[in-house]
Structures are given as C-alpha cells and as structure tokens.
PDB file of N, CA and C in Angstrom:
ATOM      1  N   MET A   1     -67.186  34.460 -35.875  1.00  0.00           N
ATOM      2  CA  MET A   1     -66.566  34.726 -34.587  1.00  0.00           C
ATOM      3  C   MET A   1     -67.390  34.079 -33.489  1.00  0.00           C
ATOM      4  N   SER A   2     -66.711  33.476 -32.568  1.00  0.00           N
ATOM      5  CA  SER A   2     -67.383  32.771 -31.481  1.00  0.00           C
ATOM      6  C   SER A   2     -67.952  33.755 -30.456  1.00  0.00           C
ATOM      7  N   ARG A   3     -69.075  33.403 -29.884  1.00  0.00           N
ATOM      8  CA  ARG A   3     -69.689  34.231 -28.842  1.00  0.00           C
ATOM      9  C   ARG A   3     -69.142  33.895 -27.469  1.00  0.00           C
ATOM     10  N   TYR A   4     -68.396  32.777 -27.377  1.00  0.00           N
ATOM     11  CA  TYR A   4     -67.881  32.324 -26.091  1.00  0.00           C
ATOM     12  C   TYR A   4     -66.386  32.036 -26.167  1.00  0.00           C
ATOM     13  N   ALA A   5     -65.746  32.072 -25.007  1.00  0.00           N
ATOM     14  CA  ALA A   5     -64.344  31.682 -24.898  1.00  0.00           C
ATOM     15  C   ALA A   5     -64.236  30.589 -23.844  1.00  0.00           C
ATOM     16  N   LEU A   6     -63.322  29.669 -24.060  1.00  0.00           N
ATOM     17  CA  LEU A   6     -63.059  28.605 -23.089  1.00  0.00           C
ATOM     18  C   LEU A   6     -61.756  28.904 -22.371  1.00  0.00           C
ATOM     19  N   LEU A   7     -61.819  28.975 -21.052  1.00  0.00           N
ATOM     20  CA  LEU A   7     -60.627  29.120 -20.229  1.00  0.00           C
ATOM     21  C   LEU A   7     -60.267  27.700 -19.779  1.00  0.00           C
ATOM     22  N   ILE A   8     -59.252  27.106 -20.397  1.00  0.00           N
ATOM     23  CA  ILE A   8     -58.897  25.706 -20.177  1.00  0.00           C
ATOM     24  C   ILE A   8     -58.153  25.566 -18.852  1.00  0.00           C
ATOM     25  N   CYS A   9     -58.583  24.599 -18.042  1.00  0.00           N
ATOM     26  CA  CYS A   9     -57.976  24.331 -16.734  1.00  0.00           C
ATOM     27  C   CYS A   9     -57.422  22.907 -16.700  1.00  0.00           C
ATOM     28  N   ARG A  10     -56.583  22.629 -15.701  1.00  0.00           N
ATOM     29  CA  ARG A  10     -55.970  21.309 -15.579  1.00  0.00           C
ATOM     30  C   ARG A  10     -56.885  20.275 -14.929  1.00  0.00           C
ATOM     31  N   SER A  11     -57.850  20.743 -14.138  1.00  0.00           N
ATOM     32  CA  SER A  11     -58.706  19.801 -13.423  1.00  0.00           C
ATOM     33  C   SER A  11     -60.090  20.406 -13.204  1.00  0.00           C
ATOM     34  N   GLN A  12     -61.004  19.565 -12.804  1.00  0.00           N
ATOM     35  CA  GLN A  12     -62.353  20.041 -12.507  1.00  0.00           C
ATOM     36  C   GLN A  12     -62.329  20.968 -11.291  1.00  0.00           C
ATOM     37  N   THR A  13     -61.509  20.631 -10.302  1.00  0.00           N
ATOM     38  CA  THR A  13     -61.397  21.465  -9.104  1.00  0.00           C
ATOM     39  C   THR A  13     -60.889  22.858  -9.464  1.00  0.00           C
ATOM     40  N   GLU A  14     -59.885  22.926 -10.326  1.00  0.00           N
ATOM     41  CA  GLU A  14     -59.351  24.217 -10.760  1.00  0.00           C
ATOM     42  C   GLU A  14     -60.413  25.007 -11.520  1.00  0.00           C
ATOM     43  N   ALA A  15     -61.182  24.343 -12.371  1.00  0.00           N
ATOM     44  CA  ALA A  15     -62.233  25.015 -13.142  1.00  0.00           C
ATOM     45  C   ALA A  15     -63.326  25.565 -12.218  1.00  0.00           C
ATOM     46  N   ILE A  16     -63.698  24.803 -11.208  1.00  0.00           N
ATOM     47  CA  ILE A  16     -64.722  25.266 -10.263  1.00  0.00           C
ATOM     48  C   ILE A  16     -64.218  26.484  -9.492  1.00  0.00           C
ATOM     49  N   GLY A  17     -62.948  26.448  -9.070  1.00  0.00           N
ATOM     50  CA  GLY A  17     -62.373  27.592  -8.373  1.00  0.00           C
ATOM     51  C   GLY A  17     -62.305  28.822  -9.266  1.00  0.00           C
ATOM     52  N   LEU A  18     -61.943  28.620 -10.528  1.00  0.00           N
ATOM     53  CA  LEU A  18     -61.871  29.718 -11.489  1.00  0.00           C
ATOM     54  C   LEU A  18     -63.255  30.330 -11.694  1.00  0.00           C
ATOM     55  N   ARG A  19     -64.254  29.482 -11.828  1.00  0.00           N
ATOM     56  CA  ARG A  19     -65.630  29.984 -11.991  1.00  0.00           C
ATOM     57  C   ARG A  19     -66.066  30.788 -10.765  1.00  0.00           C
ATOM     58  N   ARG A  20     -65.671  30.331  -9.576  1.00  0.00           N
ATOM     59  CA  ARG A  20     -66.022  31.045  -8.346  1.00  0.00           C
ATOM     60  C   ARG A  20     -65.370  32.433  -8.331  1.00  0.00           C
ATOM     61  N   HIS A  21     -64.088  32.513  -8.680  1.00  0.00           N
ATOM     62  CA  HIS A  21     -63.403  33.804  -8.737  1.00  0.00           C
ATOM     63  C   HIS A  21     -64.053  34.722  -9.770  1.00  0.00           C
ATOM     64  N   LEU A  22     -64.380  34.178 -10.928  1.00  0.00           N
ATOM     65  CA  LEU A  22     -65.041  34.979 -11.965  1.00  0.00           C
ATOM     66  C   LEU A  22     -66.388  35.500 -11.472  1.00  0.00           C
ATOM     67  N   GLY A  23     -67.149  34.651 -10.788  1.00  0.00           N
ATOM     68  CA  GLY A  23     -68.437  35.064 -10.250  1.00  0.00           C
ATOM     69  C   GLY A  23     -68.309  36.207  -9.263  1.00  0.00           C
ATOM     70  N   GLN A  24     -67.257  36.169  -8.450  1.00  0.00           N
ATOM     71  CA  GLN A  24     -67.020  37.256  -7.490  1.00  0.00           C
ATOM     72  C   GLN A  24     -66.684  38.561  -8.204  1.00  0.00           C
ATOM     73  N   MET A  25     -66.177  38.461  -9.429  1.00  0.00           N
ATOM     74  CA  MET A  25     -65.863  39.647 -10.236  1.00  0.00           C
ATOM     75  C   MET A  25     -67.051  40.083 -11.083  1.00  0.00           C
ATOM     76  N   GLY A  26     -68.158  39.355 -11.012  1.00  0.00           N
ATOM     77  CA  GLY A  26     -69.337  39.696 -11.802  1.00  0.00           C
ATOM     78  C   GLY A  26     -69.330  39.134 -13.211  1.00  0.00           C
ATOM     79  N   VAL A  27     -68.455  38.155 -13.461  1.00  0.00           N
ATOM     80  CA  VAL A  27     -68.384  37.526 -14.783  1.00  0.00           C
ATOM     81  C   VAL A  27     -68.992  36.130 -14.677  1.00  0.00           C
ATOM     82  N   PRO A  28     -70.155  35.903 -15.278  1.00  0.00           N
ATOM     83  CA  PRO A  28     -70.752  34.568 -15.202  1.00  0.00           C
ATOM     84  C   PRO A  28     -69.956  33.566 -16.029  1.00  0.00           C
ATOM     85  N   GLY A  29     -69.852  32.348 -15.531  1.00  0.00           N
ATOM     86  CA  GLY A  29     -69.141  31.297 -16.248  1.00  0.00           C
ATOM     87  C   GLY A  29     -69.794  29.956 -16.008  1.00  0.00           C
ATOM     88  N   GLU A  30     -69.518  29.025 -16.892  1.00  0.00           N
ATOM     89  CA  GLU A  30     -70.082  27.677 -16.807  1.00  0.00           C
ATOM     90  C   GLU A  30     -68.942  26.667 -16.932  1.00  0.00           C
ATOM     91  N   VAL A  31     -68.850  25.745 -15.966  1.00  0.00           N
ATOM     92  CA  VAL A  31     -67.839  24.688 -16.031  1.00  0.00           C
ATOM     93  C   VAL A  31     -68.288  23.655 -17.055  1.00  0.00           C
ATOM     94  N   THR A  32     -67.403  23.306 -17.957  1.00  0.00           N
ATOM     95  CA  THR A  32     -67.733  22.391 -19.048  1.00  0.00           C
ATOM     96  C   THR A  32     -66.502  21.602 -19.459  1.00  0.00           C
ATOM     97  N   ARG A  33     -66.708  20.562 -20.241  1.00  0.00           N
ATOM     98  CA  ARG A  33     -65.588  19.815 -20.824  1.00  0.00           C
ATOM     99  C   ARG A  33     -65.244  20.447 -22.170  1.00  0.00           C
ATOM    100  N   PRO A  34     -63.974  20.751 -22.403  1.00  0.00           N
ATOM    101  CA  PRO A  34     -63.610  21.285 -23.715  1.00  0.00           C
ATOM    102  C   PRO A  34     -63.597  20.174 -24.755  1.00  0.00           C
ATOM    103  N   PRO A  35     -63.608  20.521 -26.035  1.00  0.00           N
ATOM    104  CA  PRO A  35     -63.473  19.492 -27.066  1.00  0.00           C
ATOM    105  C   PRO A  35     -62.176  18.712 -26.861  1.00  0.00           C
ATOM    106  N   ARG A  36     -62.177  17.451 -27.194  1.00  0.00           N
ATOM    107  CA  ARG A  36     -61.040  16.575 -26.930  1.00  0.00           C
ATOM    108  C   ARG A  36     -59.720  17.123 -27.462  1.00  0.00           C
ATOM    109  N   HIS A  37     -59.715  17.722 -28.638  1.00  0.00           N
ATOM    110  CA  HIS A  37     -58.459  18.198 -29.229  1.00  0.00           C
ATOM    111  C   HIS A  37     -57.860  19.399 -28.506  1.00  0.00           C
ATOM    112  N   THR A  38     -58.601  20.045 -27.608  1.00  0.00           N
ATOM    113  CA  THR A  38     -58.073  21.213 -26.892  1.00  0.00           C
ATOM    114  C   THR A  38     -57.659  20.896 -25.466  1.00  0.00           C
ATOM    115  N   ARG A  39     -57.805  19.663 -25.029  1.00  0.00           N
ATOM    116  CA  ARG A  39     -57.476  19.314 -23.651  1.00  0.00           C
ATOM    117  C   ARG A  39     -55.972  19.227 -23.451  1.00  0.00           C
ATOM    118  N   THR A  40     -55.561  19.462 -22.212  1.00  0.00           N
ATOM    119  CA  THR A  40     -54.159  19.286 -21.857  1.00  0.00           C
ATOM    120  C   THR A  40     -53.926  17.803 -21.600  1.00  0.00           C
ATOM    121  N   GLU A  41     -52.730  17.446 -21.176  1.00  0.00           N
ATOM    122  CA  GLU A  41     -52.418  16.038 -20.919  1.00  0.00           C
ATOM    123  C   GLU A  41     -53.269  15.465 -19.785  1.00  0.00           C
ATOM    124  N   SER A  42     -53.685  16.322 -18.869  1.00  0.00           N
ATOM    125  CA  SER A  42     -54.506  15.846 -17.756  1.00  0.00           C
ATOM    126  C   SER A  42     -55.970  15.788 -18.169  1.00  0.00           C
ATOM    127  N   CYS A  43     -56.839  15.691 -17.204  1.00  0.00           N
ATOM    128  CA  CYS A  43     -58.252  15.432 -17.502  1.00  0.00           C
ATOM    129  C   CYS A  43     -58.929  16.524 -18.324  1.00  0.00           C
ATOM    130  N   GLY A  44     -58.576  17.775 -18.152  1.00  0.00           N
ATOM    131  CA  GLY A  44     -59.100  18.837 -19.001  1.00  0.00           C
ATOM    132  C   GLY A  44     -60.525  19.249 -18.710  1.00  0.00           C
ATOM    133  N   TRP A  45     -60.673  20.393 -18.107  1.00  0.00           N
ATOM    134  CA  TRP A  45     -61.960  21.030 -17.881  1.00  0.00           C
ATOM    135  C   TRP A  45     -61.811  22.483 -18.284  1.00  0.00           C
ATOM    136  N   ALA A  46     -62.916  23.170 -18.446  1.00  0.00           N
ATOM    137  CA  ALA A  46     -62.858  24.563 -18.868  1.00  0.00           C
ATOM    138  C   ALA A  46     -63.996  25.348 -18.234  1.00  0.00           C
ATOM    139  N   VAL A  47     -63.827  26.661 -18.263  1.00  0.00           N
ATOM    140  CA  VAL A  47     -64.897  27.574 -17.874  1.00  0.00           C
ATOM    141  C   VAL A  47     -65.255  28.364 -19.128  1.00  0.00           C
ATOM    142  N   ARG A  48     -66.528  28.311 -19.502  1.00  0.00           N
ATOM    143  CA  ARG A  48     -67.014  29.043 -20.677  1.00  0.00           C
ATOM    144  C   ARG A  48     -67.512  30.413 -20.225  1.00  0.00           C
ATOM    145  N   VAL A  49     -66.972  31.459 -20.844  1.00  0.00           N
ATOM    146  CA  VAL A  49     -67.402  32.820 -20.539  1.00  0.00           C
ATOM    147  C   VAL A  49     -67.742  33.513 -21.863  1.00  0.00           C
ATOM    148  N   GLY A  50     -68.460  34.603 -21.776  1.00  0.00           N
ATOM    149  CA  GLY A  50     -68.769  35.382 -22.972  1.00  0.00           C
ATOM    150  C   GLY A  50     -67.490  35.921 -23.584  1.00  0.00           C
ATOM    151  N   ALA A  51     -67.379  35.857 -24.889  1.00  0.00           N
ATOM    152  CA  ALA A  51     -66.163  36.302 -25.575  1.00  0.00           C
ATOM    153  C   ALA A  51     -65.866  37.770 -25.280  1.00  0.00           C
ATOM    154  N   GLY A  52     -66.878  38.580 -25.133  1.00  0.00           N
ATOM    155  CA  GLY A  52     -66.688  39.994 -24.846  1.00  0.00           C
ATOM    156  C   GLY A  52     -66.133  40.265 -23.460  1.00  0.00           C
ATOM    157  N   GLN A  53     -66.274  39.303 -22.556  1.00  0.00           N
ATOM    158  CA  GLN A  53     -65.785  39.470 -21.189  1.00  0.00           C
ATOM    159  C   GLN A  53     -64.458  38.758 -20.951  1.00  0.00           C
ATOM    160  N   ALA A  54     -63.995  37.972 -21.900  1.00  0.00           N
ATOM    161  CA  ALA A  54     -62.813  37.126 -21.687  1.00  0.00           C
ATOM    162  C   ALA A  54     -61.553  37.939 -21.409  1.00  0.00           C
ATOM    163  N   ASP A  55     -61.284  38.979 -22.190  1.00  0.00           N
ATOM    164  CA  ASP A  55     -60.057  39.758 -21.987  1.00  0.00           C
ATOM    165  C   ASP A  55     -60.029  40.433 -20.624  1.00  0.00           C
ATOM    166  N   ASP A  56     -61.140  41.052 -20.242  1.00  0.00           N
ATOM    167  CA  ASP A  56     -61.205  41.710 -18.941  1.00  0.00           C
ATOM    168  C   ASP A  56     -61.068  40.685 -17.816  1.00  0.00           C
ATOM    169  N   ALA A  57     -61.736  39.546 -17.968  1.00  0.00           N
ATOM    170  CA  ALA A  57     -61.660  38.497 -16.947  1.00  0.00           C
ATOM    171  C   ALA A  57     -60.225  37.987 -16.793  1.00  0.00           C
ATOM    172  N   LEU A  58     -59.533  37.756 -17.911  1.00  0.00           N
ATOM    173  CA  LEU A  58     -58.149  37.291 -17.848  1.00  0.00           C
ATOM    174  C   LEU A  58     -57.239  38.309 -17.172  1.00  0.00           C
ATOM    175  N   HIS A  59     -57.423  39.570 -17.499  1.00  0.00           N
ATOM    176  CA  HIS A  59     -56.613  40.620 -16.887  1.00  0.00           C
ATOM    177  C   HIS A  59     -56.797  40.625 -15.368  1.00  0.00           C
ATOM    178  N   ARG A  60     -58.045  40.543 -14.928  1.00  0.00           N
ATOM    179  CA  ARG A  60     -58.336  40.569 -13.496  1.00  0.00           C
ATOM    180  C   ARG A  60     -57.863  39.296 -12.803  1.00  0.00           C
ATOM    181  N   LEU A  61     -57.973  38.153 -13.472  1.00  0.00           N
ATOM    182  CA  LEU A  61     -57.472  36.911 -12.885  1.00  0.00           C
ATOM    183  C   LEU A  61     -55.957  36.954 -12.727  1.00  0.00           C
ATOM    184  N   ARG A  62     -55.264  37.484 -13.732  1.00  0.00           N
ATOM    185  CA  ARG A  62     -53.797  37.577 -13.651  1.00  0.00           C
ATOM    186  C   ARG A  62     -53.367  38.473 -12.500  1.00  0.00           C
ATOM    187  N   GLN A  63     -54.149  39.500 -12.194  1.00  0.00           N
ATOM    188  CA  GLN A  63     -53.845  40.361 -11.056  1.00  0.00           C
ATOM    189  C   GLN A  63     -53.917  39.572  -9.746  1.00  0.00           C
ATOM    190  N   LEU A  64     -54.752  38.533  -9.737  1.00  0.00           N
ATOM    191  CA  LEU A  64     -54.865  37.663  -8.559  1.00  0.00           C
ATOM    192  C   LEU A  64     -53.853  36.524  -8.586  1.00  0.00           C
ATOM    193  N   GLY A  65     -53.065  36.441  -9.661  1.00  0.00           N
ATOM    194  CA  GLY A  65     -52.078  35.365  -9.785  1.00  0.00           C
ATOM    195  C   GLY A  65     -52.671  34.063 -10.292  1.00  0.00           C
ATOM    196  N   ILE A  66     -53.824  34.140 -10.961  1.00  0.00           N
ATOM    197  CA  ILE A  66     -54.508  32.955 -11.487  1.00  0.00           C
ATOM    198  C   ILE A  66     -54.461  33.012 -13.012  1.00  0.00           C
ATOM    199  N   THR A  67     -53.948  31.952 -13.620  1.00  0.00           N
ATOM    200  CA  THR A  67     -53.856  31.917 -15.078  1.00  0.00           C
ATOM    201  C   THR A  67     -54.324  30.557 -15.590  1.00  0.00           C
ATOM    202  N   PRO A  68     -55.330  30.510 -16.463  1.00  0.00           N
ATOM    203  CA  PRO A  68     -55.729  29.231 -17.057  1.00  0.00           C
ATOM    204  C   PRO A  68     -54.640  28.715 -17.988  1.00  0.00           C
ATOM    205  N   CYS A  69     -54.675  27.419 -18.298  1.00  0.00           N
ATOM    206  CA  CYS A  69     -53.688  26.820 -19.210  1.00  0.00           C
ATOM    207  C   CYS A  69     -53.712  27.474 -20.578  1.00  0.00           C
ATOM    208  N   ARG A  70     -54.900  27.649 -21.114  1.00  0.00           N
ATOM    209  CA  ARG A  70     -55.096  28.213 -22.452  1.00  0.00           C
ATOM    210  C   ARG A  70     -56.426  28.927 -22.506  1.00  0.00           C
ATOM    211  N   VAL A  71     -56.578  29.778 -23.502  1.00  0.00           N
ATOM    212  CA  VAL A  71     -57.858  30.433 -23.769  1.00  0.00           C
ATOM    213  C   VAL A  71     -58.141  30.230 -25.246  1.00  0.00           C
ATOM    214  N   LEU A  72     -59.317  29.673 -25.528  1.00  0.00           N
ATOM    215  CA  LEU A  72     -59.687  29.351 -26.905  1.00  0.00           C
ATOM    216  C   LEU A  72     -61.115  29.794 -27.190  1.00  0.00           C
ATOM    217  N   PRO A  73     -61.419  30.120 -28.440  1.00  0.00           N
ATOM    218  CA  PRO A  73     -62.827  30.361 -28.790  1.00  0.00           C
ATOM    219  C   PRO A  73     -63.605  29.055 -28.671  1.00  0.00           C
ATOM    220  N   ASP A  74     -64.837  29.125 -28.218  1.00  0.00           N
ATOM    221  CA  ASP A  74     -65.661  27.922 -28.064  1.00  0.00           C
ATOM    222  C   ASP A  74     -66.469  27.709 -29.333  1.00  0.00           C
ATOM    223  N   GLU A  75     -65.883  26.998 -30.277  1.00  0.00           N
ATOM    224  CA  GLU A  75     -66.552  26.720 -31.556  1.00  0.00           C
ATOM    225  C   GLU A  75     -67.720  25.756 -31.368  1.00  0.00           C
ATOM    226  N   GLU A  76     -67.649  24.865 -30.386  1.00  0.00           N
ATOM    227  CA  GLU A  76     -68.690  23.870 -30.161  1.00  0.00           C
ATOM    228  C   GLU A  76     -70.017  24.511 -29.756  1.00  0.00           C
ATOM    229  N   ALA A  77     -69.963  25.640 -29.047  1.00  0.00           N
ATOM    230  CA  ALA A  77     -71.177  26.296 -28.588  1.00  0.00           C
ATOM    231  C   ALA A  77     -71.973  26.890 -29.740  1.00  0.00           C
ATOM    232  N   GLU A  78     -71.330  27.087 -30.866  1.00  0.00           N
ATOM    233  CA  GLU A  78     -71.992  27.673 -32.027  1.00  0.00           C
ATOM    234  C   GLU A  78     -72.871  26.668 -32.765  1.00  0.00           C
ATOM    235  N   ARG A  79     -72.643  25.393 -32.535  1.00  0.00           N
ATOM    236  CA  ARG A  79     -73.385  24.362 -33.281  1.00  0.00           C
ATOM    237  C   ARG A  79     -74.727  24.089 -32.698  1.00  0.00           C
TER     238      ARG A  79
END
C-alpha cells in the first residue's frame, strides 16, 4: 500500500493553488510531476499528500468546489 496519494491537476498553476488550499486546511502537500502514464492530455502536475489524509482532504476540497482530475496512489514515491 502506498504511503502517498497524487491529486492530479491539469496545470502547474492549478496544482500550486490546490497545494495552497490544502495548506490552509493543515494538510501538507508537495507539487510534483506525476508518472507519464497517469497524466491527462494537458501538461499534468500533481500534489502529493499523505495517503491517510487524502480522503479528508478531498472531502474538504469538494466542499469548496475544488476537484482534482484524478486521485491515484503514488507508487513512484515507494521506490
């Protein structure tokens, strides 16, 4: 099981904004590039958060009307 989750965004700007919102909620995150096979058609950036905080973070983001493209386990961080 992965220790991290990737919140996939459409752009670097969107990922930075998502990280800022998460930080205001007390959820630390790191802007990173997802593995190539998980990117959307656009440039593809992600925010890496702890897997244990991902569900709560998503719930709170949805309350603000913010939804990432996808949420995936970060298998790359395990290597």
